[in-house]
Amino acid sequence: MRSPHAFRNGESPSSRDHTHFHSTIVAQKLRRFNSLILLLRLASFSFSLASAVFMLTNSRGSGSPHWYDFDAFRFVFVANAIVALYSVFEMGTCVWEFSRETTLWPEAFQVWFDFGHDQVFSYLLLSAGSAAAALARTMRGGDTCTANKAFCLQSDVAIGLGFAAFLFLAFSSCFSGFRVACFLITGSRFHLYS
């Protein structure tokens, strides 16, 4: 873990103040920033879980199609279930950071872990939603949706919820990217140090 007091660019010990001071305004900004990230992760969890549940319960009987008969719908279910689990883990790390005022893992690992996984899972949700939307559009043009409107409607709802989860995870990824940039520039995940 790199200290925010590490000497960089030829600084000498006398050229840097050794005290680490946070004003109450800086502390409030950090709490607000962390609260926003936690809120985005909670929204991502909620929408991805709802999407997975809607897709999982999308079966209407023996004569109706089942979601697991279509690869794209299975992809939507699995992708949203993975993102829901990841979001729960990340919400836990946010709560840990609130309560302990430190990251779960070393800071360098934590910022890259968050950013990398936010990126990967955002694209996973986007690709699953795109594949399922194309399948749903094809199904609407055929006999499947005329005979089973409820199946198609519930599939559309699950796909839409997955896209909403993608949006919240993408916004979270932007904040994770901001933390990475701050870490690379200042040696800390926050730019607000005094």
Protein backbone atom coordinates (compact mmCIF):
# COMPACT_ATOMS: atom_id res chain seq x y z
CA MET A 1 0.00 0.00 0.00
CA ARG A 2 1.48 3.29 -1.06
CA SER A 3 1.34 5.99 1.50
CA PRO A 4 0.06 9.40 0.40
CA HIS A 5 3.24 10.70 2.04
CA ALA A 6 5.64 8.69 -0.15
CA PHE A 7 8.32 10.85 -1.72
CA ARG A 8 7.95 11.30 -5.44
CA ASN A 9 9.81 13.20 -8.12
CA GLY A 10 12.92 13.90 -6.06
CA GLU A 11 11.18 15.37 -3.02
CA SER A 12 13.17 15.48 0.16
CA PRO A 13 11.79 14.87 3.64
CA SER A 14 12.00 18.58 4.44
CA SER A 15 10.01 19.59 1.34
CA ARG A 16 6.85 17.80 2.49
CA ASP A 17 4.69 18.21 5.56
CA HIS A 18 4.60 15.00 7.55
CA THR A 19 1.21 15.59 9.12
CA HIS A 20 -1.85 14.12 7.48
CA PHE A 21 -4.76 16.48 7.98
CA HIS A 22 -8.35 16.07 6.81
CA SER A 23 -10.66 18.99 7.28
CA THR A 24 -14.30 18.28 8.01
CA ILE A 25 -15.18 19.49 4.52
CA VAL A 26 -12.79 16.97 2.95
CA ALA A 27 -14.17 14.21 5.17
CA GLN A 28 -17.72 15.14 4.14
CA LYS A 29 -16.74 15.05 0.46
CA LEU A 30 -15.16 11.62 0.91
CA ARG A 31 -18.28 10.31 2.66
CA ARG A 32 -20.48 11.76 -0.08
CA PHE A 33 -18.32 10.20 -2.79
CA ASN A 34 -18.37 6.80 -1.05
CA SER A 35 -22.12 7.10 -0.48
CA LEU A 36 -22.69 7.74 -4.16
CA ILE A 37 -20.63 4.69 -5.11
CA LEU A 38 -22.57 2.59 -2.59
CA LEU A 39 -25.85 3.88 -4.00
CA LEU A 40 -24.79 2.98 -7.56
CA ARG A 41 -23.77 -0.49 -6.44
CA LEU A 42 -27.09 -0.95 -4.63
CA ALA A 43 -29.01 0.09 -7.76
CA SER A 44 -26.91 -2.23 -9.91
CA PHE A 45 -27.59 -5.09 -7.50
CA SER A 46 -31.32 -4.39 -7.40
CA PHE A 47 -31.79 -4.22 -11.15
CA SER A 48 -29.58 -7.21 -11.94
CA LEU A 49 -31.28 -9.34 -9.28
CA ALA A 50 -34.71 -8.32 -10.55
CA SER A 51 -33.68 -9.15 -14.12
CA ALA A 52 -32.40 -12.58 -13.10
CA VAL A 53 -35.58 -13.31 -11.12
CA PHE A 54 -37.84 -12.17 -13.98
CA MET A 55 -35.96 -14.39 -16.41
CA LEU A 56 -35.90 -17.35 -14.00
CA THR A 57 -39.66 -17.21 -13.46
CA ASN A 58 -40.48 -16.83 -17.16
CA SER A 59 -42.21 -20.17 -17.78
CA ARG A 60 -45.93 -20.47 -18.46
CA GLY A 61 -46.60 -24.21 -18.58
CA SER A 62 -45.92 -27.26 -20.71
CA GLY A 63 -47.15 -25.76 -24.00
CA SER A 64 -45.31 -22.46 -23.53
CA PRO A 65 -41.66 -21.84 -24.35
CA HIS A 66 -39.20 -21.77 -21.46
CA TRP A 67 -36.43 -19.22 -21.00
CA TYR A 68 -33.79 -21.94 -20.74
CA ASP A 69 -34.64 -23.14 -24.27
CA PHE A 70 -32.98 -19.99 -25.66
CA ASP A 71 -29.24 -19.37 -25.34
CA ALA A 72 -29.59 -15.59 -25.22
CA PHE A 73 -32.08 -15.77 -22.34
CA ARG A 74 -29.79 -18.12 -20.43
CA PHE A 75 -26.99 -15.62 -21.02
CA VAL A 76 -29.15 -12.82 -19.57
CA PHE A 77 -29.94 -14.90 -16.48
CA VAL A 78 -26.33 -15.93 -15.83
CA ALA A 79 -24.86 -12.48 -16.51
CA ASN A 80 -27.33 -10.75 -14.21
CA ALA A 81 -26.87 -13.36 -11.49
CA ILE A 82 -23.08 -12.88 -11.65
CA VAL A 83 -23.42 -9.09 -11.49
CA ALA A 84 -25.83 -9.36 -8.55
CA LEU A 85 -23.27 -11.44 -6.62
CA TYR A 86 -20.46 -9.07 -7.57
CA SER A 87 -22.54 -6.07 -6.49
CA VAL A 88 -23.22 -7.65 -3.10
CA PHE A 89 -19.48 -8.17 -2.64
CA GLU A 90 -18.73 -4.58 -3.67
CA MET A 91 -21.42 -3.22 -1.35
CA GLY A 92 -19.69 -5.16 1.42
CA THR A 93 -16.35 -3.56 0.56
CA CYS A 94 -18.03 -0.13 0.59
CA VAL A 95 -19.48 -0.78 4.03
CA TRP A 96 -16.07 -2.04 5.18
CA GLU A 97 -14.50 1.17 3.90
CA PHE A 98 -17.12 3.26 5.73
CA SER A 99 -16.68 1.46 9.02
CA ARG A 100 -12.91 0.96 9.02
CA GLU A 101 -11.86 3.98 6.92
CA THR A 102 -9.55 1.74 4.92
CA THR A 103 -9.87 -0.56 1.94
CA LEU A 104 -10.44 -4.29 2.26
CA TRP A 105 -7.25 -5.06 0.31
CA PRO A 106 -4.16 -2.95 -0.28
CA GLU A 107 -5.18 0.29 -1.94
CA ALA A 108 -3.37 -0.32 -5.24
CA PHE A 109 -5.00 -3.71 -5.65
CA GLN A 110 -8.42 -2.43 -4.57
CA VAL A 111 -8.64 0.41 -7.10
CA TRP A 112 -7.56 -1.80 -10.00
CA PHE A 113 -9.81 -4.67 -8.86
CA ASP A 114 -12.87 -2.40 -8.70
CA PHE A 115 -12.17 -0.72 -12.02
CA GLY A 116 -11.32 -3.92 -13.90
CA HIS A 117 -14.30 -5.88 -12.63
CA ASP A 118 -16.70 -2.98 -13.15
CA GLN A 119 -15.54 -2.79 -16.77
CA VAL A 120 -15.75 -6.54 -17.43
CA PHE A 121 -19.15 -6.98 -15.82
CA SER A 122 -20.55 -3.87 -17.53
CA TYR A 123 -19.64 -5.27 -20.91
CA LEU A 124 -20.97 -8.68 -19.90
CA LEU A 125 -24.36 -7.16 -19.11
CA LEU A 126 -24.33 -5.12 -22.30
CA SER A 127 -23.54 -8.11 -24.50
CA ALA A 128 -26.14 -10.31 -22.76
CA GLY A 129 -28.80 -7.66 -23.11
CA SER A 130 -27.96 -7.04 -26.75
CA ALA A 131 -28.11 -10.72 -27.63
CA ALA A 132 -31.41 -11.17 -25.82
CA ALA A 133 -32.91 -8.02 -27.36
CA ALA A 134 -32.08 -9.31 -30.84
CA LEU A 135 -33.69 -12.66 -30.01
CA ALA A 136 -36.78 -10.97 -28.53
CA ARG A 137 -37.16 -8.85 -31.64
CA THR A 138 -36.92 -11.95 -33.83
CA MET A 139 -39.49 -13.73 -31.65
CA ARG A 140 -41.90 -10.80 -31.95
CA GLY A 141 -41.80 -11.17 -35.72
CA GLY A 142 -42.67 -14.88 -35.54
CA ASP A 143 -45.40 -17.01 -34.04
CA THR A 144 -43.87 -17.26 -30.56
CA CYS A 145 -45.06 -13.89 -29.29
CA THR A 146 -48.48 -14.05 -30.90
CA ALA A 147 -49.26 -17.30 -29.08
CA ASN A 148 -47.43 -16.45 -25.82
CA LYS A 149 -47.61 -12.71 -25.22
CA ALA A 150 -46.93 -13.02 -21.48
CA PHE A 151 -43.70 -14.94 -22.13
CA CYS A 152 -42.45 -12.26 -24.52
CA LEU A 153 -43.51 -9.42 -22.23
CA GLN A 154 -41.72 -10.90 -19.23
CA SER A 155 -38.62 -11.50 -21.37
CA ASP A 156 -38.70 -7.85 -22.45
CA VAL A 157 -38.99 -6.72 -18.83
CA ALA A 158 -36.02 -8.90 -17.81
CA ILE A 159 -33.95 -7.52 -20.69
CA GLY A 160 -34.87 -3.94 -19.79
CA LEU A 161 -33.94 -4.47 -16.14
CA GLY A 162 -30.61 -5.91 -17.29
CA PHE A 163 -29.92 -2.80 -19.36
CA ALA A 164 -30.75 -0.62 -16.32
CA ALA A 165 -28.28 -2.66 -14.25
CA PHE A 166 -25.71 -2.07 -17.00
CA LEU A 167 -26.23 1.71 -16.79
CA PHE A 168 -25.72 1.81 -13.03
CA LEU A 169 -22.66 -0.43 -13.25
CA ALA A 170 -21.27 1.73 -16.07
CA PHE A 171 -21.65 4.85 -13.89
CA SER A 172 -19.96 2.99 -11.06
CA SER A 173 -17.16 2.13 -13.47
CA CYS A 174 -16.69 5.83 -14.21
CA PHE A 175 -16.20 6.51 -10.51
CA SER A 176 -13.82 3.55 -10.24
CA GLY A 177 -11.88 4.98 -13.18
CA PHE A 178 -11.72 8.31 -11.37
CA ARG A 179 -10.25 6.53 -8.35
CA VAL A 180 -7.64 4.82 -10.55
CA ALA A 181 -6.67 8.15 -12.14
CA CYS A 182 -6.37 9.77 -8.70
CA PHE A 183 -4.28 6.87 -7.49
CA LEU A 184 -1.92 7.15 -10.45
CA ILE A 185 -1.57 10.91 -10.07
CA THR A 186 -1.48 11.39 -6.29
CA GLY A 187 -0.76 7.95 -4.87
CA SER A 188 -4.17 7.83 -3.20
CA ARG A 189 -7.60 6.84 -4.46
CA PHE A 190 -8.93 10.28 -3.52
CA HIS A 191 -7.76 13.63 -4.83
CA LEU A 192 -9.09 15.49 -1.81
CA TYR A 193 -6.13 15.19 0.55
CA SER A 194 -4.98 18.42 2.09
